[in-house]
């Protein structure tokens, strides 16, 4: 965590919220089984954790059957457990369902939420939040067919590095479609298989581009989550 980032926000109320998140291992989103594969055996296995996305602009895409919200809120939860202030920039036409996020363990009282009308407005909001230096994780839910101008992705990538923040963009598209731009440091694609007994589903992430590691890698977890958190 960057020195002094959360000092402005770490009031007694935030500390109590942070402790509440740290102590709540919710079974609804617990990992029942994990598999990991990587194309570069010389590097330590990557993890779907906040620290893996710090100082990077990431795009997490998903087809209609994917599970991007499950994966994104796992990052929010991990960042909150580490005491990192988090922000979610969502779409007015497709907001996430707060009770599902809360059931997954996310502390909604410690999550700043901004509603944006379209992708460019979301990028402007993210620019402001990351530039403040106050947030360790900013998620932009851009939706399908999202486009960002080159100067917007350039700014977000630069600010993520400058303030040691993780900036994660959620988009709806196939894995074969190009990413938001060349300055995206990591492009991942989420899929999910049908639920089995006990409401379990297999959530898979295929990292198609990783400028830090090179090559590609994947993570698969069998999860149990709320019905609306996909």
Protein backbone atom coordinates (compact mmCIF):
# COMPACT_ATOMS: atom_id res chain seq x y z
CA UNK A 1 0.00 0.00 0.00
CA UNK A 2 1.35 3.43 -0.89
CA UNK A 3 2.51 5.42 2.15
CA UNK A 4 -0.17 7.80 3.33
CA UNK A 5 -2.78 6.93 0.70
CA UNK A 6 -5.50 5.84 3.09
CA UNK A 7 -4.65 8.14 5.98
CA UNK A 8 -7.29 10.68 4.90
CA UNK A 9 -9.98 7.99 4.79
CA UNK A 10 -8.94 5.85 7.74
CA UNK A 11 -11.30 7.29 10.30
CA UNK A 12 -12.53 5.19 13.23
CA UNK A 13 -15.57 4.32 11.12
CA UNK A 14 -13.39 3.06 8.26
CA UNK A 15 -11.17 1.07 10.62
CA UNK A 16 -14.17 -0.71 12.07
CA UNK A 17 -15.45 -1.45 8.57
CA UNK A 18 -12.05 -2.77 7.56
CA UNK A 19 -11.91 -5.10 10.56
CA UNK A 20 -15.39 -6.32 9.81
CA UNK A 21 -14.37 -7.24 6.26
CA UNK A 22 -11.19 -8.94 7.40
CA UNK A 23 -13.06 -11.14 9.83
CA UNK A 24 -15.87 -12.17 7.46
CA UNK A 25 -14.97 -15.24 5.45
CA UNK A 26 -18.27 -15.64 3.62
CA UNK A 27 -19.07 -19.19 2.47
CA UNK A 28 -21.13 -17.84 -0.44
CA UNK A 29 -17.98 -16.86 -2.32
CA UNK A 30 -15.51 -19.24 -0.74
CA UNK A 31 -13.14 -21.04 -3.04
CA UNK A 32 -13.91 -24.73 -2.94
CA UNK A 33 -11.23 -25.82 -5.35
CA UNK A 34 -8.51 -23.99 -7.30
CA UNK A 35 -6.40 -24.82 -10.31
CA UNK A 36 -3.63 -22.75 -11.78
CA UNK A 37 -1.67 -23.04 -14.99
CA UNK A 38 0.99 -20.73 -16.40
CA UNK A 39 3.08 -20.65 -19.53
CA UNK A 40 6.20 -19.43 -17.71
CA UNK A 41 7.33 -21.88 -15.03
CA UNK A 42 10.29 -19.68 -14.01
CA UNK A 43 8.01 -17.09 -12.44
CA UNK A 44 5.97 -17.66 -9.27
CA UNK A 45 2.34 -18.54 -9.96
CA UNK A 46 0.18 -15.43 -10.39
CA UNK A 47 -2.79 -14.92 -8.12
CA UNK A 48 -6.15 -13.25 -8.66
CA UNK A 49 -5.35 -10.75 -5.91
CA UNK A 50 -5.25 -6.97 -5.70
CA UNK A 51 -1.45 -6.92 -5.54
CA UNK A 52 -1.20 -8.53 -8.99
CA UNK A 53 -2.93 -5.52 -10.56
CA UNK A 54 -1.22 -2.63 -8.76
CA UNK A 55 0.21 0.12 -11.01
CA UNK A 56 -1.52 -1.40 -14.04
CA UNK A 57 -4.41 -0.75 -16.39
CA UNK A 58 -6.29 -4.05 -16.72
CA UNK A 59 -9.18 -5.09 -18.94
CA UNK A 60 -11.40 -7.97 -17.85
CA UNK A 61 -13.72 -8.95 -20.67
CA UNK A 62 -16.50 -11.52 -20.64
CA UNK A 63 -19.01 -13.09 -22.99
CA UNK A 64 -22.67 -13.21 -21.89
CA UNK A 65 -22.03 -16.48 -20.03
CA UNK A 66 -18.99 -15.12 -18.19
CA UNK A 67 -18.66 -14.11 -14.56
CA UNK A 68 -16.91 -10.72 -14.53
CA UNK A 69 -18.68 -9.33 -11.46
CA UNK A 70 -17.73 -12.34 -9.35
CA UNK A 71 -14.08 -11.83 -10.28
CA UNK A 72 -14.16 -8.06 -9.93
CA UNK A 73 -15.71 -8.19 -6.47
CA UNK A 74 -13.09 -10.72 -5.41
CA UNK A 75 -10.52 -8.01 -6.13
CA UNK A 76 -12.59 -5.44 -4.22
CA UNK A 77 -12.81 -7.77 -1.24
CA UNK A 78 -9.08 -8.49 -1.29
CA UNK A 79 -8.23 -4.79 -1.53
CA UNK A 80 -10.55 -3.98 1.39
CA UNK A 81 -8.95 -6.69 3.50
CA UNK A 82 -5.60 -5.01 2.88
CA UNK A 83 -6.96 -1.63 3.99
CA UNK A 84 -7.03 -0.18 0.47
CA UNK A 85 -9.84 2.32 -0.29
CA UNK A 86 -11.83 1.09 -3.29
CA UNK A 87 -14.17 2.68 -5.82
CA UNK A 88 -16.67 1.25 -8.31
CA UNK A 89 -17.72 3.24 -11.37
CA UNK A 90 -20.85 1.59 -12.72
CA UNK A 91 -23.43 2.00 -15.46
CA UNK A 92 -26.78 3.60 -14.77
CA UNK A 93 -28.50 1.15 -17.11
CA UNK A 94 -26.98 -1.97 -15.52
CA UNK A 95 -26.03 -1.42 -11.87
CA UNK A 96 -24.75 -4.25 -9.73
CA UNK A 97 -27.10 -5.59 -7.03
CA UNK A 98 -25.75 -4.37 -3.65
CA UNK A 99 -27.15 -7.24 -1.52
CA UNK A 100 -25.25 -9.77 -3.65
CA UNK A 101 -22.01 -7.81 -3.24
CA UNK A 102 -22.59 -7.66 0.51
CA UNK A 103 -23.27 -11.40 0.67
CA UNK A 104 -19.93 -12.01 -1.02
CA UNK A 105 -18.20 -10.23 1.88
CA UNK A 106 -17.71 -6.76 0.37
CA UNK A 107 -18.14 -3.90 2.84
CA UNK A 108 -20.46 -1.54 0.96
CA UNK A 109 -19.89 1.22 3.53
CA UNK A 110 -16.21 1.28 2.52
CA UNK A 111 -16.89 1.17 -1.25
CA UNK A 112 -17.24 4.47 -3.09
CA UNK A 113 -19.77 4.10 -5.95
CA UNK A 114 -20.12 6.44 -8.94
CA UNK A 115 -22.76 6.05 -11.65
CA UNK A 116 -21.68 7.08 -15.15
CA UNK A 117 -23.81 7.36 -18.26
CA UNK A 118 -21.25 6.08 -20.78
CA UNK A 119 -17.65 4.91 -21.14
CA UNK A 120 -16.00 8.32 -21.62
CA UNK A 121 -17.77 9.71 -18.55
CA UNK A 122 -16.61 6.66 -16.58
CA UNK A 123 -13.02 7.24 -17.71
CA UNK A 124 -13.21 10.89 -16.59
CA UNK A 125 -14.50 9.82 -13.18
CA UNK A 126 -11.71 7.24 -12.89
CA UNK A 127 -9.14 9.85 -13.88
CA UNK A 128 -10.32 12.08 -11.04
CA UNK A 129 -10.38 9.29 -8.45
CA UNK A 130 -7.00 7.78 -9.31
CA UNK A 131 -5.37 11.22 -9.65
CA UNK A 132 -6.43 12.00 -6.08
CA UNK A 133 -4.07 9.29 -4.87
CA UNK A 134 -6.69 8.15 -2.38
CA UNK A 135 -7.77 4.84 -3.94
CA UNK A 136 -5.89 1.59 -4.26
CA UNK A 137 -8.45 0.02 -6.60
CA UNK A 138 -10.82 1.63 -9.11
CA UNK A 139 -13.15 -0.60 -11.15
CA UNK A 140 -14.90 0.71 -14.28
CA UNK A 141 -17.89 -1.34 -15.45
CA UNK A 142 -17.98 -0.23 -19.10
CA UNK A 143 -20.30 -2.88 -20.55
CA UNK A 144 -20.47 -4.19 -24.09
CA UNK A 145 -19.10 -2.38 -27.13
CA UNK A 146 -17.22 0.01 -24.87
CA UNK A 147 -14.70 2.31 -26.51
CA UNK A 148 -12.22 4.67 -24.90
CA UNK A 149 -10.13 7.26 -26.73
CA UNK A 150 -6.38 6.67 -26.75
CA UNK A 151 -5.70 9.68 -24.54
CA UNK A 152 -8.07 8.29 -21.87
CA UNK A 153 -6.34 4.89 -21.66
CA UNK A 154 -2.97 6.64 -21.72
CA UNK A 155 -3.96 8.83 -18.77
CA UNK A 156 -5.37 5.94 -16.75
CA UNK A 157 -2.28 3.79 -17.36
CA UNK A 158 0.02 6.64 -16.36
CA UNK A 159 -1.99 7.51 -13.24
CA UNK A 160 -2.14 3.86 -12.16
CA UNK A 161 1.66 3.70 -12.22
CA UNK A 162 2.13 7.10 -10.62
CA UNK A 163 -0.20 6.42 -7.68
CA UNK A 164 0.39 2.66 -7.40
CA UNK A 165 -3.29 1.96 -7.97
CA UNK A 166 -5.06 -0.90 -9.73
CA UNK A 167 -7.40 0.28 -12.50
CA UNK A 168 -9.65 -2.51 -13.80
CA UNK A 169 -12.04 -2.05 -16.74
CA UNK A 170 -14.90 -4.53 -17.24
CA UNK A 171 -16.05 -4.99 -20.83
CA UNK A 172 -18.51 -7.27 -22.58
CA UNK A 173 -16.98 -8.91 -25.65
CA UNK A 174 -15.49 -12.12 -26.97
CA UNK A 175 -11.90 -13.07 -26.23
CA UNK A 176 -10.99 -12.63 -29.89
CA UNK A 177 -11.91 -8.94 -29.87
CA UNK A 178 -9.05 -6.45 -29.37
CA UNK A 179 -8.47 -4.84 -26.00
CA UNK A 180 -9.26 -1.22 -25.14
CA UNK A 181 -5.83 -0.14 -26.34
CA UNK A 182 -2.11 -0.90 -26.48
CA UNK A 183 -1.53 0.58 -23.03
CA UNK A 184 -3.64 -2.11 -21.37
CA UNK A 185 -1.05 -3.98 -19.29
CA UNK A 186 -3.16 -7.08 -18.69
CA UNK A 187 -6.10 -8.41 -20.72
CA UNK A 188 -8.10 -11.23 -19.18
CA UNK A 189 -11.27 -12.99 -20.30
CA UNK A 190 -13.77 -14.53 -17.89
CA UNK A 191 -15.98 -17.54 -18.49
CA UNK A 192 -18.24 -19.59 -16.25
CA UNK A 193 -19.69 -23.07 -16.61
CA UNK A 194 -23.17 -24.14 -15.61
CA UNK A 195 -23.96 -24.51 -11.93
CA UNK A 196 -23.79 -27.94 -10.36
CA UNK A 197 -25.00 -29.31 -7.06
CA UNK A 198 -25.17 -26.82 -4.21
CA UNK A 199 -25.18 -23.76 -6.48
CA UNK A 200 -21.54 -24.21 -7.44
CA UNK A 201 -20.12 -22.90 -10.68
CA UNK A 202 -16.71 -23.03 -12.30
CA UNK A 203 -15.29 -19.57 -12.81
CA UNK A 204 -12.35 -19.37 -15.21
CA UNK A 205 -10.05 -16.51 -16.16
CA UNK A 206 -7.83 -16.69 -19.22
CA UNK A 207 -5.13 -14.02 -19.30
CA UNK A 208 -4.58 -13.30 -22.97
CA UNK A 209 -1.93 -10.60 -22.54
CA UNK A 210 0.35 -9.86 -19.61
CA UNK A 211 3.09 -7.33 -20.29
CA UNK A 212 4.82 -8.02 -16.98
CA UNK A 213 5.07 -11.77 -17.28
CA UNK A 214 4.86 -12.35 -20.99
CA UNK A 215 2.84 -15.18 -22.45
CA UNK A 216 -0.53 -16.20 -21.03
CA UNK A 217 -1.86 -17.96 -17.97
CA UNK A 218 -5.17 -19.02 -16.51
CA UNK A 219 -6.93 -19.47 -13.19
CA UNK A 220 -9.98 -21.64 -12.53
CA UNK A 221 -11.97 -21.78 -9.31
CA UNK A 222 -15.10 -23.63 -8.31
CA UNK A 223 -17.15 -21.08 -6.39
CA UNK A 224 -20.49 -20.81 -4.71
CA UNK A 225 -22.04 -17.36 -4.96
CA UNK A 226 -25.29 -15.41 -4.83
CA UNK A 227 -27.59 -15.92 -7.81
CA UNK A 228 -27.15 -12.38 -9.12
CA UNK A 229 -23.36 -12.09 -8.83
CA UNK A 230 -21.97 -13.13 -12.22
